[in-house]
């Protein structure tokens, strides 16, 4: 058993000595190449477009798929089925309150002042107390 602990201790000391010799500044200051930058920009663009998707977009795309699939007839039947699925997902998402800014309080301007509207989907006990003030 002492042999294993000596070996482990030697390995730890070796790793620590190698870390001290490593040039961290050179490693961190290296600029990414043009290919890596292009891949990062492409990935960021896809993520930005996917996060901007709303329930209304899904409803519109589903309806378009359904119409195009019905017009194409034979081969477009799968497109029509996909349109129905996307449309139903959009309906479900819209009924659940999906869309942009879902977690933020809603409001509007009236006489140059911003007025926030309280959400109605909160705790029923809180709604009852607010109503009976």
N, C-alpha and C. Protein backbone atom coordinates (compact mmCIF):
# COMPACT_ATOMS: atom_id res chain seq x y z
N UNK A 1 0.81 -1.20 0.00
CA UNK A 1 0.00 0.00 0.00
C UNK A 1 0.85 1.26 0.00
N UNK A 2 1.97 1.33 0.75
CA UNK A 2 2.80 2.53 0.73
C UNK A 2 3.38 2.80 -0.65
N UNK A 3 3.57 1.75 -1.45
CA UNK A 3 4.13 1.95 -2.80
C UNK A 3 3.15 2.75 -3.65
N UNK A 4 1.86 2.47 -3.56
CA UNK A 4 0.85 3.19 -4.33
C UNK A 4 0.77 4.65 -3.93
N UNK A 5 0.88 4.92 -2.63
CA UNK A 5 0.81 6.31 -2.19
C UNK A 5 2.05 7.08 -2.60
N UNK A 6 3.23 6.42 -2.60
CA UNK A 6 4.45 7.09 -3.07
C UNK A 6 4.33 7.41 -4.56
N UNK A 7 3.80 6.47 -5.30
CA UNK A 7 3.65 6.70 -6.73
C UNK A 7 2.67 7.83 -7.00
N UNK A 8 1.58 7.85 -6.26
CA UNK A 8 0.60 8.92 -6.40
C UNK A 8 1.21 10.27 -6.05
N UNK A 9 2.00 10.29 -4.98
CA UNK A 9 2.65 11.53 -4.56
C UNK A 9 3.63 12.02 -5.63
N UNK A 10 4.37 11.11 -6.23
CA UNK A 10 5.30 11.49 -7.30
C UNK A 10 4.55 12.04 -8.52
N UNK A 11 3.42 11.40 -8.85
CA UNK A 11 2.63 11.87 -9.99
C UNK A 11 2.07 13.26 -9.74
N UNK A 12 1.60 13.52 -8.52
CA UNK A 12 1.07 14.83 -8.19
C UNK A 12 2.17 15.89 -8.26
N UNK A 13 3.34 15.57 -7.74
CA UNK A 13 4.46 16.52 -7.79
C UNK A 13 4.88 16.79 -9.23
N UNK A 14 4.85 15.78 -10.07
CA UNK A 14 5.21 15.95 -11.47
C UNK A 14 4.21 16.86 -12.19
N UNK A 15 2.93 16.66 -11.93
CA UNK A 15 1.91 17.50 -12.54
C UNK A 15 2.05 18.94 -12.07
N UNK A 16 2.28 19.12 -10.78
CA UNK A 16 2.44 20.47 -10.25
C UNK A 16 3.66 21.17 -10.84
N UNK A 17 4.74 20.44 -11.03
CA UNK A 17 5.93 21.07 -11.62
C UNK A 17 5.68 21.42 -13.09
N UNK A 18 4.91 20.61 -13.80
CA UNK A 18 4.60 20.93 -15.20
C UNK A 18 3.68 22.14 -15.30
N UNK A 19 2.78 22.31 -14.34
CA UNK A 19 1.87 23.46 -14.37
C UNK A 19 2.65 24.76 -14.17
N UNK A 20 3.66 24.72 -13.33
CA UNK A 20 4.45 25.92 -13.09
C UNK A 20 5.21 26.35 -14.34
N UNK A 21 5.58 25.40 -15.20
CA UNK A 21 6.34 25.71 -16.41
C UNK A 21 5.43 26.14 -17.57
N UNK A 22 4.14 25.96 -17.45
CA UNK A 22 3.23 26.26 -18.54
C UNK A 22 3.05 27.77 -18.69
N UNK A 23 3.11 28.24 -19.90
CA UNK A 23 2.95 29.67 -20.17
C UNK A 23 1.47 29.98 -20.40
N UNK A 24 0.79 30.43 -19.34
CA UNK A 24 -0.64 30.69 -19.40
C UNK A 24 -0.97 31.87 -20.30
N UNK A 25 -0.16 32.90 -20.27
CA UNK A 25 -0.46 34.09 -21.06
C UNK A 25 -0.45 33.78 -22.56
N UNK A 26 0.50 32.98 -23.00
CA UNK A 26 0.57 32.64 -24.42
C UNK A 26 -0.68 31.86 -24.82
N UNK A 27 -1.11 30.97 -23.97
CA UNK A 27 -2.27 30.13 -24.27
C UNK A 27 -3.57 30.96 -24.30
N UNK A 28 -3.71 31.91 -23.40
CA UNK A 28 -4.94 32.70 -23.32
C UNK A 28 -5.00 33.81 -24.35
N UNK A 29 -3.86 34.33 -24.78
CA UNK A 29 -3.87 35.46 -25.70
C UNK A 29 -3.93 35.03 -27.16
N UNK A 30 -3.94 33.74 -27.42
CA UNK A 30 -3.99 33.27 -28.79
C UNK A 30 -5.36 33.56 -29.40
N UNK A 31 -5.34 34.23 -30.54
CA UNK A 31 -6.60 34.58 -31.21
C UNK A 31 -7.12 33.38 -31.98
N UNK A 32 -8.46 33.22 -32.00
CA UNK A 32 -9.01 32.11 -32.79
C UNK A 32 -8.83 32.36 -34.28
N UNK A 33 -8.69 31.28 -35.00
CA UNK A 33 -8.49 31.37 -36.44
C UNK A 33 -9.76 31.77 -37.17
N UNK A 34 -9.65 32.04 -38.47
CA UNK A 34 -10.82 32.48 -39.23
C UNK A 34 -11.91 31.40 -39.34
N UNK A 35 -11.52 30.16 -39.38
CA UNK A 35 -12.51 29.08 -39.46
C UNK A 35 -13.30 29.00 -38.17
N UNK A 36 -12.58 29.07 -37.04
CA UNK A 36 -13.27 29.01 -35.75
C UNK A 36 -14.20 30.21 -35.57
N UNK A 37 -13.76 31.40 -36.00
CA UNK A 37 -14.62 32.59 -35.92
C UNK A 37 -15.87 32.42 -36.77
N UNK A 38 -15.71 31.86 -37.98
CA UNK A 38 -16.87 31.67 -38.86
C UNK A 38 -17.85 30.67 -38.25
N UNK A 39 -17.33 29.59 -37.65
CA UNK A 39 -18.21 28.60 -37.03
C UNK A 39 -18.93 29.20 -35.83
N UNK A 40 -18.22 30.00 -35.03
CA UNK A 40 -18.85 30.63 -33.87
C UNK A 40 -19.94 31.61 -34.29
N UNK A 41 -19.69 32.40 -35.33
CA UNK A 41 -20.71 33.34 -35.82
C UNK A 41 -21.92 32.61 -36.38
N UNK A 42 -21.67 31.52 -37.12
CA UNK A 42 -22.77 30.74 -37.68
C UNK A 42 -23.62 30.15 -36.56
N UNK A 43 -22.96 29.59 -35.54
CA UNK A 43 -23.70 29.02 -34.40
C UNK A 43 -24.47 30.07 -33.64
N UNK A 44 -23.88 31.24 -33.45
CA UNK A 44 -24.58 32.32 -32.75
C UNK A 44 -25.79 32.80 -33.55
N UNK A 45 -25.66 32.84 -34.85
CA UNK A 45 -26.79 33.25 -35.69
C UNK A 45 -27.95 32.27 -35.60
N UNK A 46 -27.64 30.98 -35.58
CA UNK A 46 -28.69 29.96 -35.46
C UNK A 46 -29.38 30.07 -34.11
N UNK A 47 -28.59 30.25 -33.05
CA UNK A 47 -29.17 30.36 -31.71
C UNK A 47 -30.04 31.61 -31.61
N UNK A 48 -29.59 32.72 -32.16
CA UNK A 48 -30.39 33.96 -32.12
C UNK A 48 -31.71 33.81 -32.86
N UNK A 49 -31.68 33.14 -34.00
CA UNK A 49 -32.92 32.95 -34.75
C UNK A 49 -33.86 31.98 -34.04
N UNK A 50 -33.30 30.95 -33.42
CA UNK A 50 -34.15 29.98 -32.73
C UNK A 50 -34.78 30.57 -31.48
N UNK A 51 -34.08 31.44 -30.79
CA UNK A 51 -34.64 32.03 -29.59
C UNK A 51 -35.64 33.14 -29.91
N UNK A 52 -35.63 33.64 -31.15
CA UNK A 52 -36.58 34.67 -31.54
C UNK A 52 -37.89 34.06 -32.03
N UNK A 53 -37.99 32.73 -32.04
CA UNK A 53 -39.18 32.05 -32.52
C UNK A 53 -40.32 32.22 -31.52
N UNK A 54 -41.51 32.56 -32.03
CA UNK A 54 -42.67 32.73 -31.17
C UNK A 54 -43.76 31.75 -31.58
N UNK A 55 -44.82 31.70 -30.80
CA UNK A 55 -45.94 30.82 -31.11
C UNK A 55 -46.61 31.24 -32.41
N UNK A 56 -46.67 32.53 -32.68
CA UNK A 56 -47.26 33.01 -33.93
C UNK A 56 -46.47 32.54 -35.14
N UNK A 57 -45.15 32.49 -35.01
CA UNK A 57 -44.32 31.99 -36.11
C UNK A 57 -44.65 30.53 -36.39
N UNK A 58 -44.81 29.73 -35.33
CA UNK A 58 -45.13 28.32 -35.53
C UNK A 58 -46.50 28.16 -36.18
N UNK A 59 -47.46 28.96 -35.78
CA UNK A 59 -48.79 28.89 -36.39
C UNK A 59 -48.72 29.22 -37.88
N UNK A 60 -47.97 30.24 -38.22
CA UNK A 60 -47.85 30.65 -39.61
C UNK A 60 -47.13 29.59 -40.44
N UNK A 61 -46.03 29.08 -39.95
CA UNK A 61 -45.27 28.06 -40.68
C UNK A 61 -46.09 26.80 -40.83
N UNK A 62 -46.79 26.40 -39.77
CA UNK A 62 -47.63 25.21 -39.85
C UNK A 62 -48.74 25.36 -40.89
N UNK A 63 -49.37 26.53 -40.93
CA UNK A 63 -50.42 26.77 -41.92
C UNK A 63 -49.85 26.76 -43.33
N UNK A 64 -48.68 27.35 -43.52
CA UNK A 64 -48.06 27.35 -44.85
C UNK A 64 -47.70 25.93 -45.28
N UNK A 65 -47.12 25.13 -44.38
CA UNK A 65 -46.81 23.73 -44.71
C UNK A 65 -48.07 22.97 -45.09
N UNK A 66 -49.14 23.20 -44.35
CA UNK A 66 -50.39 22.50 -44.60
C UNK A 66 -50.94 22.88 -45.98
N UNK A 67 -50.96 24.15 -46.31
CA UNK A 67 -51.49 24.59 -47.60
C UNK A 67 -50.64 24.07 -48.75
N UNK A 68 -49.33 24.21 -48.63
CA UNK A 68 -48.44 23.74 -49.70
C UNK A 68 -48.55 22.22 -49.84
N UNK A 69 -48.64 21.51 -48.73
CA UNK A 69 -48.78 20.07 -48.80
C UNK A 69 -50.07 19.63 -49.44
N UNK A 70 -51.16 20.36 -49.21
CA UNK A 70 -52.43 20.01 -49.84
C UNK A 70 -52.44 20.36 -51.32
N UNK A 71 -51.73 21.40 -51.72
CA UNK A 71 -51.66 21.78 -53.13
C UNK A 71 -50.83 20.77 -53.91
N UNK A 72 -49.75 20.27 -53.32
CA UNK A 72 -48.87 19.33 -54.01
C UNK A 72 -49.46 17.93 -54.12
N UNK A 73 -50.44 17.63 -53.36
CA UNK A 73 -51.15 16.36 -53.34
C UNK A 73 -50.23 15.20 -52.96
N UNK A 74 -49.93 14.28 -53.88
CA UNK A 74 -49.26 13.00 -53.60
C UNK A 74 -48.06 13.09 -52.67
N UNK A 75 -46.99 13.71 -53.11
CA UNK A 75 -45.77 13.78 -52.30
C UNK A 75 -45.86 14.81 -51.19
N UNK A 76 -46.82 15.69 -51.30
CA UNK A 76 -46.94 16.74 -50.31
C UNK A 76 -47.77 16.35 -49.10
N UNK A 77 -48.26 15.11 -49.08
CA UNK A 77 -49.08 14.69 -47.95
C UNK A 77 -48.27 14.70 -46.65
N UNK A 78 -47.01 14.31 -46.72
CA UNK A 78 -46.16 14.33 -45.51
C UNK A 78 -45.91 15.77 -45.07
N UNK A 79 -45.82 16.67 -46.04
CA UNK A 79 -45.65 18.08 -45.70
C UNK A 79 -46.90 18.62 -45.02
N UNK A 80 -48.07 18.17 -45.47
CA UNK A 80 -49.32 18.59 -44.84
C UNK A 80 -49.41 18.04 -43.42
N UNK A 81 -48.99 16.80 -43.22
CA UNK A 81 -49.00 16.21 -41.86
C UNK A 81 -48.04 16.97 -40.96
N UNK A 82 -46.85 17.31 -41.49
CA UNK A 82 -45.90 18.09 -40.70
C UNK A 82 -46.47 19.47 -40.38
N UNK A 83 -47.20 20.06 -41.33
CA UNK A 83 -47.84 21.34 -41.09
C UNK A 83 -48.87 21.26 -39.97
N UNK A 84 -49.64 20.18 -39.96
CA UNK A 84 -50.63 20.00 -38.89
C UNK A 84 -49.93 19.88 -37.54
N UNK A 85 -48.84 19.11 -37.50
CA UNK A 85 -48.11 18.93 -36.23
C UNK A 85 -47.54 20.25 -35.75
N UNK A 86 -46.90 21.01 -36.65
CA UNK A 86 -46.31 22.30 -36.26
C UNK A 86 -47.41 23.27 -35.83
N UNK A 87 -48.55 23.25 -36.52
CA UNK A 87 -49.65 24.14 -36.18
C UNK A 87 -50.21 23.81 -34.79
N UNK A 88 -50.36 22.53 -34.50
CA UNK A 88 -50.87 22.12 -33.18
C UNK A 88 -49.88 22.49 -32.08
N UNK A 89 -48.59 22.33 -32.34
CA UNK A 89 -47.58 22.74 -31.36
C UNK A 89 -47.65 24.25 -31.13
N UNK A 90 -47.83 25.01 -32.21
CA UNK A 90 -47.98 26.46 -32.08
C UNK A 90 -49.21 26.84 -31.29
N UNK A 91 -50.33 26.14 -31.52
CA UNK A 91 -51.54 26.40 -30.74
C UNK A 91 -51.33 26.11 -29.26
N UNK A 92 -50.69 24.98 -28.99
CA UNK A 92 -50.44 24.62 -27.59
C UNK A 92 -49.55 25.66 -26.93
N UNK A 93 -48.50 26.09 -27.65
CA UNK A 93 -47.57 27.08 -27.09
C UNK A 93 -48.27 28.41 -26.87
N UNK A 94 -49.14 28.81 -27.80
CA UNK A 94 -49.86 30.08 -27.66
C UNK A 94 -50.84 30.02 -26.49
N UNK A 95 -51.47 28.87 -26.29
CA UNK A 95 -52.41 28.76 -25.18
C UNK A 95 -51.70 28.76 -23.84
N UNK A 96 -50.43 28.35 -23.81
CA UNK A 96 -49.65 28.36 -22.58
C UNK A 96 -48.98 29.71 -22.35
N UNK A 97 -49.22 30.66 -23.22
CA UNK A 97 -48.64 32.00 -23.05
C UNK A 97 -47.24 32.11 -23.59
N UNK A 98 -46.88 31.28 -24.56
CA UNK A 98 -45.55 31.31 -25.13
C UNK A 98 -45.33 32.52 -26.01
N UNK A 99 -44.09 32.87 -26.18
CA UNK A 99 -43.76 34.00 -27.03
C UNK A 99 -42.64 34.79 -26.43
N UNK A 100 -42.31 35.85 -27.08
CA UNK A 100 -41.19 36.68 -26.66
C UNK A 100 -41.55 37.45 -25.39
N UNK A 101 -40.62 37.53 -24.44
CA UNK A 101 -40.82 38.30 -23.23
C UNK A 101 -41.84 37.67 -22.29
N UNK A 102 -41.91 36.36 -22.25
CA UNK A 102 -42.93 35.69 -21.46
C UNK A 102 -42.74 35.91 -19.96
N UNK A 103 -41.50 35.94 -19.49
CA UNK A 103 -41.28 36.07 -18.06
C UNK A 103 -41.27 37.51 -17.56
N UNK A 104 -41.37 38.46 -18.44
CA UNK A 104 -41.28 39.86 -18.04
C UNK A 104 -42.67 40.45 -17.87
N UNK A 105 -42.80 41.42 -16.97
CA UNK A 105 -44.11 42.04 -16.80
C UNK A 105 -44.50 42.82 -18.04
N UNK A 106 -45.78 42.74 -18.38
CA UNK A 106 -46.27 43.46 -19.55
C UNK A 106 -46.80 44.81 -19.12
N UNK A 107 -46.85 45.71 -20.07
CA UNK A 107 -47.35 47.03 -19.74
C UNK A 107 -47.44 47.90 -20.97
N UNK A 108 -47.72 49.16 -20.73
CA UNK A 108 -47.83 50.11 -21.82
C UNK A 108 -47.69 51.53 -21.30
N UNK A 109 -47.65 52.47 -22.24
CA UNK A 109 -47.51 53.87 -21.87
C UNK A 109 -48.88 54.54 -21.90
N UNK A 110 -49.13 55.35 -20.90
CA UNK A 110 -50.34 56.15 -20.85
C UNK A 110 -49.97 57.49 -20.25
N UNK A 111 -50.22 58.56 -20.98
CA UNK A 111 -49.86 59.92 -20.58
C UNK A 111 -48.37 60.02 -20.20
N UNK A 112 -47.55 59.48 -21.05
CA UNK A 112 -46.09 59.51 -20.92
C UNK A 112 -45.57 58.80 -19.68
N UNK A 113 -46.33 57.89 -19.14
CA UNK A 113 -45.86 57.08 -18.00
C UNK A 113 -46.05 55.61 -18.34
N UNK A 114 -45.09 54.79 -17.95
CA UNK A 114 -45.18 53.35 -18.21
C UNK A 114 -46.00 52.71 -17.09
N UNK A 115 -46.99 51.94 -17.48
CA UNK A 115 -47.84 51.25 -16.52
C UNK A 115 -47.70 49.76 -16.78
N UNK A 116 -47.31 49.00 -15.75
CA UNK A 116 -47.17 47.56 -15.92
C UNK A 116 -48.45 46.87 -15.47
N UNK A 117 -48.84 45.88 -16.23
CA UNK A 117 -50.05 45.12 -15.92
C UNK A 117 -49.65 43.88 -15.15
N UNK A 118 -50.38 43.56 -14.11
CA UNK A 118 -50.08 42.36 -13.33
C UNK A 118 -50.60 41.15 -14.08
N UNK A 119 -49.83 40.06 -14.02
CA UNK A 119 -50.27 38.86 -14.71
C UNK A 119 -51.40 38.19 -13.94
N UNK A 120 -52.32 37.60 -14.66
CA UNK A 120 -53.46 36.94 -14.05
C UNK A 120 -53.18 35.48 -13.73
N UNK A 121 -52.00 34.96 -14.14
CA UNK A 121 -51.71 33.54 -13.94
C UNK A 121 -50.97 33.28 -12.64
N UNK A 122 -50.98 34.22 -11.71
CA UNK A 122 -50.26 34.06 -10.46
C UNK A 122 -51.01 33.18 -9.46
N UNK A 123 -50.64 33.30 -8.25
CA UNK A 123 -51.24 32.54 -7.17
C UNK A 123 -52.70 32.98 -6.98
N UNK A 124 -53.65 32.04 -6.93
CA UNK A 124 -55.06 32.44 -6.79
C UNK A 124 -55.34 33.16 -5.47
N UNK A 125 -54.61 32.81 -4.42
CA UNK A 125 -54.80 33.48 -3.14
C UNK A 125 -54.38 34.95 -3.22
N UNK A 126 -53.27 35.21 -3.91
CA UNK A 126 -52.83 36.59 -4.09
C UNK A 126 -53.84 37.38 -4.92
N UNK A 127 -54.39 36.75 -5.96
CA UNK A 127 -55.40 37.44 -6.76
C UNK A 127 -56.63 37.78 -5.93
N UNK A 128 -57.03 36.87 -5.04
CA UNK A 128 -58.19 37.12 -4.21
C UNK A 128 -57.96 38.30 -3.28
N UNK A 129 -56.74 38.37 -2.67
CA UNK A 129 -56.45 39.47 -1.79
C UNK A 129 -56.33 40.80 -2.55
N UNK A 130 -55.78 40.76 -3.78
CA UNK A 130 -55.70 41.98 -4.57
C UNK A 130 -57.08 42.48 -4.96
N UNK A 131 -57.97 41.56 -5.23
CA UNK A 131 -59.32 41.93 -5.65
C UNK A 131 -60.12 42.52 -4.48
N UNK A 132 -59.84 42.06 -3.24
CA UNK A 132 -60.61 42.49 -2.09
C UNK A 132 -59.93 43.59 -1.29
N UNK A 133 -59.05 44.35 -1.89
CA UNK A 133 -58.42 45.45 -1.17
C UNK A 133 -59.32 46.62 -1.02
